[in-house]
């Protein structure tokens, strides 16, 4: 029986992800619309989940949050242009919040005497990036597509590398 780690599917999924990453980079506007649809669908499905959960927990709050998520999800799905314009703003606020948390965390880490410089640098970079995206929204759209495309591409490279690594590992184990 073959070890699951040695499966050809690592290679296949890696190649698919490489191609998908290139497609995201080559079609930035279509990619933004795809992200908008994905976001709307996820929020809508979260609303369904909250509503379902509210009946098992007898919670009015979960029901209200579920209705709100359903409503927001429908707005996001039916107004894709608005959603595409909103995505960079959402990410900018996320970068801002994450950057502030990293800065405050690095200050706490500094008090302990542990290395803190990279955390501070990353936090400052996140705050600067968030303000830059808020000031120049088209840069935010570009940065979002570039980042998502890079992540998908890097995931593909990693999957292919895992395939070759585990294939070599499985050959060594089978010879022992």
N, C-alpha and C. Protein backbone atom coordinates (compact mmCIF):
# COMPACT_ATOMS: atom_id res chain seq x y z
N UNK A 1 0.84 -1.19 0.00
CA UNK A 1 0.00 0.00 0.00
C UNK A 1 0.88 1.25 0.00
N UNK A 2 0.57 2.18 -0.87
CA UNK A 2 1.39 3.38 -1.01
C UNK A 2 1.05 4.39 0.09
N UNK A 3 2.08 5.03 0.62
CA UNK A 3 1.91 6.07 1.62
C UNK A 3 1.19 7.26 0.98
N UNK A 4 0.21 7.83 1.68
CA UNK A 4 -0.56 8.96 1.13
C UNK A 4 0.32 10.17 0.84
N UNK A 5 1.41 10.32 1.59
CA UNK A 5 2.29 11.46 1.37
C UNK A 5 2.98 11.38 0.02
N UNK A 6 3.05 10.21 -0.57
CA UNK A 6 3.75 10.01 -1.84
C UNK A 6 2.79 10.11 -3.03
N UNK A 7 1.61 10.60 -2.80
CA UNK A 7 0.58 10.64 -3.82
C UNK A 7 0.93 11.61 -4.95
N UNK A 8 0.55 11.24 -6.14
CA UNK A 8 0.74 12.09 -7.32
C UNK A 8 -0.12 13.35 -7.22
N UNK A 9 -1.11 13.35 -6.34
CA UNK A 9 -2.01 14.50 -6.24
C UNK A 9 -1.31 15.75 -5.72
N UNK A 10 -0.22 15.61 -4.98
CA UNK A 10 0.58 16.78 -4.60
C UNK A 10 1.10 17.48 -5.86
N UNK A 11 1.59 16.68 -6.79
CA UNK A 11 2.12 17.24 -8.02
C UNK A 11 1.00 17.86 -8.86
N UNK A 12 -0.11 17.16 -9.00
CA UNK A 12 -1.23 17.65 -9.80
C UNK A 12 -1.79 18.94 -9.21
N UNK A 13 -2.03 18.96 -7.90
CA UNK A 13 -2.58 20.16 -7.29
C UNK A 13 -1.58 21.31 -7.37
N UNK A 14 -0.30 21.01 -7.26
CA UNK A 14 0.72 22.05 -7.38
C UNK A 14 0.73 22.70 -8.75
N UNK A 15 0.63 21.88 -9.78
CA UNK A 15 0.61 22.41 -11.14
C UNK A 15 -0.65 23.25 -11.36
N UNK A 16 -1.79 22.77 -10.86
CA UNK A 16 -3.03 23.53 -10.99
C UNK A 16 -2.91 24.87 -10.28
N UNK A 17 -2.33 24.88 -9.09
CA UNK A 17 -2.20 26.13 -8.34
C UNK A 17 -1.22 27.09 -9.03
N UNK A 18 -0.14 26.57 -9.60
CA UNK A 18 0.78 27.42 -10.37
C UNK A 18 0.04 28.12 -11.51
N UNK A 19 -0.72 27.34 -12.26
CA UNK A 19 -1.48 27.90 -13.39
C UNK A 19 -2.51 28.90 -12.89
N UNK A 20 -3.20 28.58 -11.80
CA UNK A 20 -4.20 29.48 -11.25
C UNK A 20 -3.57 30.79 -10.79
N UNK A 21 -2.41 30.73 -10.17
CA UNK A 21 -1.71 31.94 -9.75
C UNK A 21 -1.38 32.83 -10.93
N UNK A 22 -0.93 32.24 -12.03
CA UNK A 22 -0.62 32.99 -13.24
C UNK A 22 -1.90 33.59 -13.83
N UNK A 23 -3.00 32.84 -13.80
CA UNK A 23 -4.27 33.35 -14.30
C UNK A 23 -4.73 34.55 -13.48
N UNK A 24 -4.56 34.48 -12.16
CA UNK A 24 -4.94 35.61 -11.30
C UNK A 24 -4.14 36.84 -11.68
N UNK A 25 -2.83 36.68 -11.88
CA UNK A 25 -1.99 37.83 -12.27
C UNK A 25 -2.36 38.36 -13.65
N UNK A 26 -2.70 37.46 -14.58
CA UNK A 26 -2.98 37.87 -15.95
C UNK A 26 -4.36 38.52 -16.10
N UNK A 27 -5.26 38.24 -15.17
CA UNK A 27 -6.63 38.77 -15.24
C UNK A 27 -7.02 39.45 -13.93
N UNK A 28 -6.42 40.60 -13.64
CA UNK A 28 -6.66 41.20 -12.33
C UNK A 28 -8.12 41.60 -12.08
N UNK A 29 -8.79 42.14 -13.07
CA UNK A 29 -10.17 42.57 -12.86
C UNK A 29 -11.09 41.38 -12.63
N UNK A 30 -10.94 40.35 -13.45
CA UNK A 30 -11.74 39.13 -13.26
C UNK A 30 -11.45 38.50 -11.90
N UNK A 31 -10.19 38.55 -11.48
CA UNK A 31 -9.82 37.99 -10.19
C UNK A 31 -10.47 38.76 -9.05
N UNK A 32 -10.53 40.08 -9.17
CA UNK A 32 -11.20 40.88 -8.14
C UNK A 32 -12.68 40.52 -8.06
N UNK A 33 -13.32 40.35 -9.20
CA UNK A 33 -14.73 39.96 -9.20
C UNK A 33 -14.92 38.56 -8.60
N UNK A 34 -14.00 37.66 -8.89
CA UNK A 34 -14.08 36.32 -8.31
C UNK A 34 -13.94 36.39 -6.79
N UNK A 35 -13.01 37.24 -6.31
CA UNK A 35 -12.85 37.41 -4.86
C UNK A 35 -14.11 38.01 -4.24
N UNK A 36 -14.73 38.93 -4.97
CA UNK A 36 -15.96 39.56 -4.47
C UNK A 36 -17.09 38.53 -4.35
N UNK A 37 -17.21 37.67 -5.36
CA UNK A 37 -18.23 36.61 -5.30
C UNK A 37 -17.94 35.67 -4.15
N UNK A 38 -16.68 35.30 -4.00
CA UNK A 38 -16.28 34.41 -2.91
C UNK A 38 -16.63 35.02 -1.55
N UNK A 39 -16.29 36.30 -1.36
CA UNK A 39 -16.57 36.97 -0.09
C UNK A 39 -18.07 37.01 0.18
N UNK A 40 -18.85 37.38 -0.83
CA UNK A 40 -20.31 37.43 -0.65
C UNK A 40 -20.89 36.07 -0.31
N UNK A 41 -20.41 35.03 -1.00
CA UNK A 41 -20.91 33.68 -0.74
C UNK A 41 -20.55 33.21 0.67
N UNK A 42 -19.33 33.51 1.10
CA UNK A 42 -18.90 33.10 2.44
C UNK A 42 -19.73 33.79 3.51
N UNK A 43 -19.95 35.09 3.36
CA UNK A 43 -20.75 35.83 4.35
C UNK A 43 -22.18 35.31 4.35
N UNK A 44 -22.75 35.04 3.18
CA UNK A 44 -24.10 34.50 3.09
C UNK A 44 -24.19 33.14 3.79
N UNK A 45 -23.22 32.26 3.51
CA UNK A 45 -23.22 30.93 4.14
C UNK A 45 -23.01 31.02 5.65
N UNK A 46 -22.20 31.97 6.11
CA UNK A 46 -22.06 32.19 7.55
C UNK A 46 -23.39 32.57 8.17
N UNK A 47 -24.14 33.40 7.48
CA UNK A 47 -25.47 33.78 7.97
C UNK A 47 -26.38 32.57 8.10
N UNK A 48 -26.36 31.70 7.11
CA UNK A 48 -27.16 30.47 7.17
C UNK A 48 -26.74 29.63 8.37
N UNK A 49 -25.43 29.55 8.59
CA UNK A 49 -24.92 28.77 9.72
C UNK A 49 -25.35 29.36 11.05
N UNK A 50 -25.26 30.68 11.19
CA UNK A 50 -25.69 31.33 12.43
C UNK A 50 -27.18 31.12 12.69
N UNK A 51 -27.98 31.23 11.65
CA UNK A 51 -29.42 31.04 11.83
C UNK A 51 -29.71 29.61 12.25
N UNK A 52 -29.08 28.64 11.60
CA UNK A 52 -29.27 27.24 11.97
C UNK A 52 -28.82 27.00 13.41
N UNK A 53 -27.68 27.56 13.77
CA UNK A 53 -27.16 27.40 15.13
C UNK A 53 -28.09 28.05 16.15
N UNK A 54 -28.74 29.15 15.77
CA UNK A 54 -29.62 29.85 16.72
C UNK A 54 -30.80 28.97 17.14
N UNK A 55 -31.25 28.09 16.25
CA UNK A 55 -32.37 27.22 16.60
C UNK A 55 -31.95 26.10 17.56
N UNK A 56 -30.70 25.65 17.45
CA UNK A 56 -30.25 24.60 18.36
C UNK A 56 -29.87 25.17 19.73
N UNK A 57 -29.45 26.43 19.76
CA UNK A 57 -29.03 27.06 21.01
C UNK A 57 -30.12 27.97 21.59
N UNK A 58 -31.21 28.13 20.87
CA UNK A 58 -32.29 29.02 21.29
C UNK A 58 -31.76 30.41 21.62
N UNK A 59 -30.97 30.94 20.69
CA UNK A 59 -30.33 32.23 20.90
C UNK A 59 -30.84 33.24 19.88
N UNK A 60 -31.42 34.29 20.38
CA UNK A 60 -31.88 35.37 19.51
C UNK A 60 -30.73 36.14 18.90
N UNK A 61 -29.59 36.22 19.63
CA UNK A 61 -28.44 36.95 19.11
C UNK A 61 -27.86 36.27 17.89
N UNK A 62 -27.74 34.95 17.93
CA UNK A 62 -27.23 34.24 16.76
C UNK A 62 -28.17 34.41 15.58
N UNK A 63 -29.45 34.43 15.85
CA UNK A 63 -30.43 34.62 14.78
C UNK A 63 -30.28 36.00 14.15
N UNK A 64 -30.13 37.02 14.98
CA UNK A 64 -29.97 38.39 14.48
C UNK A 64 -28.68 38.52 13.67
N UNK A 65 -27.58 37.97 14.19
CA UNK A 65 -26.31 38.02 13.47
C UNK A 65 -26.43 37.26 12.15
N UNK A 66 -27.13 36.14 12.17
CA UNK A 66 -27.34 35.36 10.96
C UNK A 66 -28.13 36.14 9.92
N UNK A 67 -29.19 36.82 10.35
CA UNK A 67 -29.96 37.64 9.42
C UNK A 67 -29.11 38.77 8.85
N UNK A 68 -28.31 39.39 9.72
CA UNK A 68 -27.43 40.46 9.27
C UNK A 68 -26.43 39.94 8.25
N UNK A 69 -25.83 38.78 8.52
CA UNK A 69 -24.89 38.19 7.56
C UNK A 69 -25.57 37.83 6.25
N UNK A 70 -26.77 37.28 6.32
CA UNK A 70 -27.51 36.98 5.09
C UNK A 70 -27.73 38.25 4.28
N UNK A 71 -28.15 39.31 4.95
CA UNK A 71 -28.40 40.58 4.29
C UNK A 71 -27.13 41.14 3.66
N UNK A 72 -26.04 41.15 4.41
CA UNK A 72 -24.77 41.67 3.89
C UNK A 72 -24.27 40.79 2.75
N UNK A 73 -24.40 39.48 2.90
CA UNK A 73 -23.98 38.56 1.84
C UNK A 73 -24.75 38.80 0.55
N UNK A 74 -26.05 39.03 0.66
CA UNK A 74 -26.86 39.32 -0.53
C UNK A 74 -26.44 40.64 -1.16
N UNK A 75 -26.17 41.64 -0.33
CA UNK A 75 -25.71 42.93 -0.87
C UNK A 75 -24.39 42.75 -1.61
N UNK A 76 -23.47 42.00 -1.00
CA UNK A 76 -22.17 41.78 -1.64
C UNK A 76 -22.31 41.02 -2.95
N UNK A 77 -23.21 40.04 -2.99
CA UNK A 77 -23.38 39.23 -4.19
C UNK A 77 -24.14 39.96 -5.29
N UNK A 78 -25.04 40.85 -4.93
CA UNK A 78 -25.85 41.53 -5.94
C UNK A 78 -25.24 42.86 -6.39
N UNK A 79 -24.25 43.35 -5.69
CA UNK A 79 -23.57 44.60 -6.05
C UNK A 79 -22.07 44.35 -6.16
N UNK A 80 -21.69 43.56 -7.15
CA UNK A 80 -20.28 43.15 -7.26
C UNK A 80 -19.34 44.34 -7.47
N UNK A 81 -19.79 45.36 -8.17
CA UNK A 81 -18.95 46.54 -8.37
C UNK A 81 -18.62 47.20 -7.04
N UNK A 82 -19.62 47.32 -6.19
CA UNK A 82 -19.40 47.90 -4.86
C UNK A 82 -18.49 47.01 -4.03
N UNK A 83 -18.69 45.72 -4.14
CA UNK A 83 -17.86 44.77 -3.38
C UNK A 83 -16.40 44.85 -3.83
N UNK A 84 -16.17 44.93 -5.14
CA UNK A 84 -14.80 45.04 -5.65
C UNK A 84 -14.14 46.32 -5.14
N UNK A 85 -14.90 47.40 -5.09
CA UNK A 85 -14.35 48.66 -4.58
C UNK A 85 -14.11 48.61 -3.08
N UNK A 86 -14.86 47.79 -2.37
CA UNK A 86 -14.76 47.69 -0.92
C UNK A 86 -13.63 46.77 -0.46
N UNK A 87 -13.29 45.78 -1.27
CA UNK A 87 -12.27 44.80 -0.87
C UNK A 87 -10.95 45.45 -0.43
N UNK A 88 -10.39 46.38 -1.19
CA UNK A 88 -9.13 46.99 -0.72
C UNK A 88 -9.30 47.74 0.60
N UNK A 89 -10.44 48.36 0.79
CA UNK A 89 -10.69 49.09 2.05
C UNK A 89 -10.74 48.11 3.22
N UNK A 90 -11.41 46.98 3.03
CA UNK A 90 -11.47 45.97 4.09
C UNK A 90 -10.07 45.47 4.43
N UNK A 91 -9.28 45.20 3.40
CA UNK A 91 -7.92 44.73 3.64
C UNK A 91 -7.06 45.81 4.26
N UNK A 92 -7.28 47.07 3.88
CA UNK A 92 -6.51 48.16 4.48
C UNK A 92 -6.77 48.24 5.99
N UNK A 93 -8.03 48.12 6.40
CA UNK A 93 -8.33 48.16 7.82
C UNK A 93 -7.78 46.93 8.54
N UNK A 94 -7.78 45.79 7.83
CA UNK A 94 -7.20 44.58 8.41
C UNK A 94 -5.69 44.77 8.60
N UNK A 95 -5.01 45.34 7.57
CA UNK A 95 -3.58 45.62 7.70
C UNK A 95 -3.31 46.60 8.83
N UNK A 96 -4.18 47.61 8.97
CA UNK A 96 -4.01 48.60 10.03
C UNK A 96 -4.12 47.94 11.40
N UNK A 97 -5.17 47.15 11.59
CA UNK A 97 -5.37 46.49 12.89
C UNK A 97 -4.22 45.52 13.19
N UNK A 98 -3.82 44.75 12.20
CA UNK A 98 -2.73 43.81 12.39
C UNK A 98 -1.42 44.55 12.67
N UNK A 99 -1.18 45.62 11.95
CA UNK A 99 0.03 46.40 12.16
C UNK A 99 0.11 47.00 13.56
N UNK A 100 -1.01 47.55 14.02
CA UNK A 100 -1.05 48.12 15.37
C UNK A 100 -0.81 47.03 16.41
N UNK A 101 -1.41 45.86 16.21
CA UNK A 101 -1.20 44.75 17.15
C UNK A 101 0.26 44.30 17.14
N UNK A 102 0.89 44.27 15.96
CA UNK A 102 2.30 43.87 15.89
C UNK A 102 3.20 44.89 16.56
N UNK A 103 2.90 46.17 16.37
CA UNK A 103 3.70 47.21 17.01
C UNK A 103 3.59 47.11 18.53
N UNK A 104 2.36 46.99 19.03
CA UNK A 104 2.19 46.90 20.49
C UNK A 104 2.78 45.60 21.02
N UNK A 105 2.66 44.51 20.26
CA UNK A 105 3.27 43.25 20.68
C UNK A 105 4.78 43.32 20.71
N UNK A 106 5.36 44.02 19.72
CA UNK A 106 6.82 44.12 19.70
C UNK A 106 7.33 44.98 20.86
N UNK A 107 6.54 45.96 21.27
CA UNK A 107 6.93 46.76 22.43
C UNK A 107 6.94 45.90 23.68
N UNK A 108 5.96 45.02 23.81
CA UNK A 108 5.92 44.10 24.95
C UNK A 108 7.08 43.10 24.89
N UNK A 109 7.36 42.61 23.69
CA UNK A 109 8.46 41.66 23.53
C UNK A 109 9.80 42.33 23.87
N UNK A 110 9.93 43.59 23.48
CA UNK A 110 11.17 44.34 23.76
C UNK A 110 11.46 44.38 25.26
N UNK A 111 10.41 44.50 26.07
CA UNK A 111 10.58 44.56 27.53
C UNK A 111 11.17 43.27 28.08
N UNK A 112 10.94 42.16 27.38
CA UNK A 112 11.45 40.88 27.86
C UNK A 112 12.90 40.63 27.44
N UNK A 113 13.40 41.46 26.53
CA UNK A 113 14.76 41.29 26.06
C UNK A 113 14.89 40.36 24.86
N UNK A 114 13.76 39.86 24.36
CA UNK A 114 13.78 38.99 23.18
C UNK A 114 13.87 39.84 21.92
N UNK A 115 14.25 39.24 20.78
CA UNK A 115 14.31 39.99 19.53
C UNK A 115 12.93 40.52 19.14
N UNK A 116 12.85 41.78 18.82
CA UNK A 116 11.57 42.42 18.55
C UNK A 116 11.57 43.26 17.29
N UNK A 117 12.71 43.48 16.69
CA UNK A 117 12.85 44.42 15.57
C UNK A 117 12.03 44.06 14.35
N UNK A 118 12.03 42.77 13.97
CA UNK A 118 11.27 42.37 12.78
C UNK A 118 9.78 42.52 13.00
N UNK A 119 9.33 42.24 14.18
CA UNK A 119 7.91 42.41 14.49
C UNK A 119 7.51 43.89 14.41
N UNK A 120 8.36 44.76 14.94
CA UNK A 120 8.11 46.20 14.87
C UNK A 120 8.11 46.67 13.41
N UNK A 121 9.11 46.21 12.66
CA UNK A 121 9.21 46.58 11.24
C UNK A 121 7.97 46.14 10.47
N UNK A 122 7.54 44.90 10.72
CA UNK A 122 6.36 44.37 10.04
C UNK A 122 5.11 45.16 10.41
N UNK A 123 4.98 45.52 11.67
CA UNK A 123 3.83 46.31 12.11
C UNK A 123 3.80 47.69 11.48
N UNK A 124 4.95 48.36 11.45
CA UNK A 124 5.03 49.69 10.84
C UNK A 124 4.72 49.60 9.35
N UNK A 125 5.26 48.56 8.70
CA UNK A 125 4.99 48.36 7.28
C UNK A 125 3.49 48.15 7.03
N UNK A 126 2.83 47.37 7.88
CA UNK A 126 1.40 47.16 7.74
C UNK A 126 0.59 48.44 7.89
N UNK A 127 0.97 49.27 8.85
CA UNK A 127 0.28 50.55 9.06
C UNK A 127 0.49 51.46 7.85
N UNK A 128 1.72 51.56 7.37
CA UNK A 128 2.01 52.40 6.20
C UNK A 128 1.24 51.88 4.98
N UNK A 129 1.26 50.56 4.78
CA UNK A 129 0.54 49.97 3.65
C UNK A 129 -0.95 50.26 3.75
N UNK A 130 -1.53 50.19 4.93
CA UNK A 130 -2.96 50.44 5.08
C UNK A 130 -3.30 51.88 4.70
N UNK A 131 -2.49 52.84 5.14
CA UNK A 131 -2.76 54.24 4.78
C UNK A 131 -2.54 54.48 3.29
N UNK A 132 -1.56 53.81 2.72
CA UNK A 132 -1.30 53.94 1.29
C UNK A 132 -2.48 53.40 0.48
N UNK A 133 -3.02 52.25 0.90
CA UNK A 133 -4.18 51.66 0.21
C UNK A 133 -5.39 52.57 0.36
N UNK A 134 -5.61 53.14 1.54
CA UNK A 134 -6.75 54.03 1.74
C UNK A 134 -6.61 55.31 0.91
N UNK A 135 -5.38 55.79 0.73
CA UNK A 135 -5.16 57.01 -0.05
C UNK A 135 -5.24 56.74 -1.55
N UNK A 136 -4.77 55.57 -1.98
CA UNK A 136 -4.75 55.22 -3.40
C UNK A 136 -5.43 53.87 -3.58
N UNK A 137 -6.75 53.90 -3.76
CA UNK A 137 -7.51 52.65 -3.77
C UNK A 137 -7.12 51.76 -4.95
N UNK A 138 -6.76 52.33 -6.08
CA UNK A 138 -6.37 51.48 -7.21
C UNK A 138 -5.10 50.70 -6.89
N UNK A 139 -4.21 51.29 -6.07
CA UNK A 139 -3.04 50.54 -5.60
C UNK A 139 -3.49 49.37 -4.75
N UNK A 140 -4.52 49.57 -3.94
CA UNK A 140 -5.04 48.50 -3.09
C UNK A 140 -5.57 47.34 -3.90
N UNK A 141 -6.27 47.64 -4.99
CA UNK A 141 -6.78 46.58 -5.86
C UNK A 141 -5.61 45.81 -6.48
N UNK A 142 -4.61 46.55 -6.94
CA UNK A 142 -3.43 45.92 -7.53
C UNK A 142 -2.70 45.06 -6.50
N UNK A 143 -2.51 45.60 -5.30
CA UNK A 143 -1.81 44.87 -4.24
C UNK A 143 -2.56 43.61 -3.85
N UNK A 144 -3.88 43.69 -3.82
CA UNK A 144 -4.70 42.53 -3.46
C UNK A 144 -4.55 41.42 -4.48
N UNK A 145 -4.65 41.76 -5.75
CA UNK A 145 -4.51 40.75 -6.82
C UNK A 145 -3.09 40.19 -6.82
N UNK A 146 -2.10 41.05 -6.65
CA UNK A 146 -0.71 40.61 -6.63
C UNK A 146 -0.47 39.64 -5.47
N UNK A 147 -0.99 39.99 -4.29
CA UNK A 147 -0.79 39.16 -3.10
C UNK A 147 -1.49 37.82 -3.23
N UNK A 148 -2.75 37.83 -3.65
CA UNK A 148 -3.50 36.57 -3.79
C UNK A 148 -2.86 35.69 -4.87
N UNK A 149 -2.48 36.29 -5.98
CA UNK A 149 -1.82 35.52 -7.04
C UNK A 149 -0.51 34.91 -6.56
N UNK A 150 0.26 35.70 -5.80
CA UNK A 150 1.53 35.19 -5.26
C UNK A 150 1.28 34.03 -4.30
N UNK A 151 0.27 34.17 -3.43
CA UNK A 151 -0.02 33.11 -2.47
C UNK A 151 -0.39 31.82 -3.19
N UNK A 152 -1.26 31.92 -4.17
CA UNK A 152 -1.68 30.73 -4.91
C UNK A 152 -0.49 30.11 -5.63
N UNK A 153 0.33 30.94 -6.26
CA UNK A 153 1.51 30.46 -6.98
C UNK A 153 2.49 29.79 -6.01
N UNK A 154 2.74 30.43 -4.86
CA UNK A 154 3.66 29.87 -3.87
C UNK A 154 3.13 28.55 -3.32
N UNK A 155 1.80 28.45 -3.12
CA UNK A 155 1.21 27.21 -2.67
C UNK A 155 1.46 26.10 -3.69
N UNK A 156 1.37 26.45 -4.98
CA UNK A 156 1.65 25.47 -6.03
C UNK A 156 3.09 25.00 -6.00
N UNK A 157 4.01 25.94 -5.84
CA UNK A 157 5.43 25.57 -5.76
C UNK A 157 5.67 24.66 -4.56
N UNK A 158 5.07 25.00 -3.43
CA UNK A 158 5.24 24.18 -2.23
C UNK A 158 4.67 22.77 -2.44
N UNK A 159 3.51 22.67 -3.06
CA UNK A 159 2.92 21.34 -3.30
C UNK A 159 3.81 20.49 -4.20
N UNK A 160 4.37 21.10 -5.24
CA UNK A 160 5.27 20.37 -6.13
C UNK A 160 6.52 19.93 -5.38
N UNK A 161 7.08 20.83 -4.57
CA UNK A 161 8.27 20.48 -3.78
C UNK A 161 7.96 19.36 -2.81
N UNK A 162 6.78 19.39 -2.18
CA UNK A 162 6.39 18.31 -1.26
C UNK A 162 6.30 16.98 -2.00
N UNK A 163 5.76 17.01 -3.21
CA UNK A 163 5.65 15.77 -3.97
C UNK A 163 7.03 15.15 -4.17
N UNK A 164 7.99 15.96 -4.64
CA UNK A 164 9.33 15.42 -4.90
C UNK A 164 10.04 15.03 -3.61
N UNK A 165 9.85 15.78 -2.54
CA UNK A 165 10.46 15.44 -1.26
C UNK A 165 9.90 14.13 -0.73
N UNK A 166 8.56 14.02 -0.70
CA UNK A 166 7.96 12.80 -0.16
C UNK A 166 8.20 11.61 -1.06
N UNK A 167 8.32 11.80 -2.36
CA UNK A 167 8.63 10.70 -3.27
C UNK A 167 10.01 10.15 -2.95
N UNK A 168 10.96 11.05 -2.72
CA UNK A 168 12.32 10.62 -2.35
C UNK A 168 12.30 9.91 -1.00
N UNK A 169 11.55 10.47 -0.06
CA UNK A 169 11.44 9.89 1.28
C UNK A 169 10.81 8.50 1.23
N UNK A 170 9.75 8.33 0.45
CA UNK A 170 9.07 7.04 0.36
C UNK A 170 9.96 5.98 -0.29
N UNK A 171 10.79 6.40 -1.25
CA UNK A 171 11.72 5.44 -1.86
C UNK A 171 12.74 4.97 -0.83
N UNK A 172 13.23 5.88 0.00
CA UNK A 172 14.18 5.51 1.04
C UNK A 172 13.55 4.56 2.05
N UNK A 173 12.31 4.84 2.43
CA UNK A 173 11.61 4.00 3.43
C UNK A 173 11.34 2.62 2.86
N UNK A 174 10.95 2.55 1.57
CA UNK A 174 10.63 1.24 0.98
C UNK A 174 11.88 0.38 0.79
N UNK A 175 13.06 1.01 0.66
CA UNK A 175 14.30 0.27 0.50
C UNK A 175 14.81 -0.28 1.83
N UNK A 176 14.39 0.34 2.92
CA UNK A 176 14.89 -0.07 4.25
C UNK A 176 14.23 -1.33 4.73
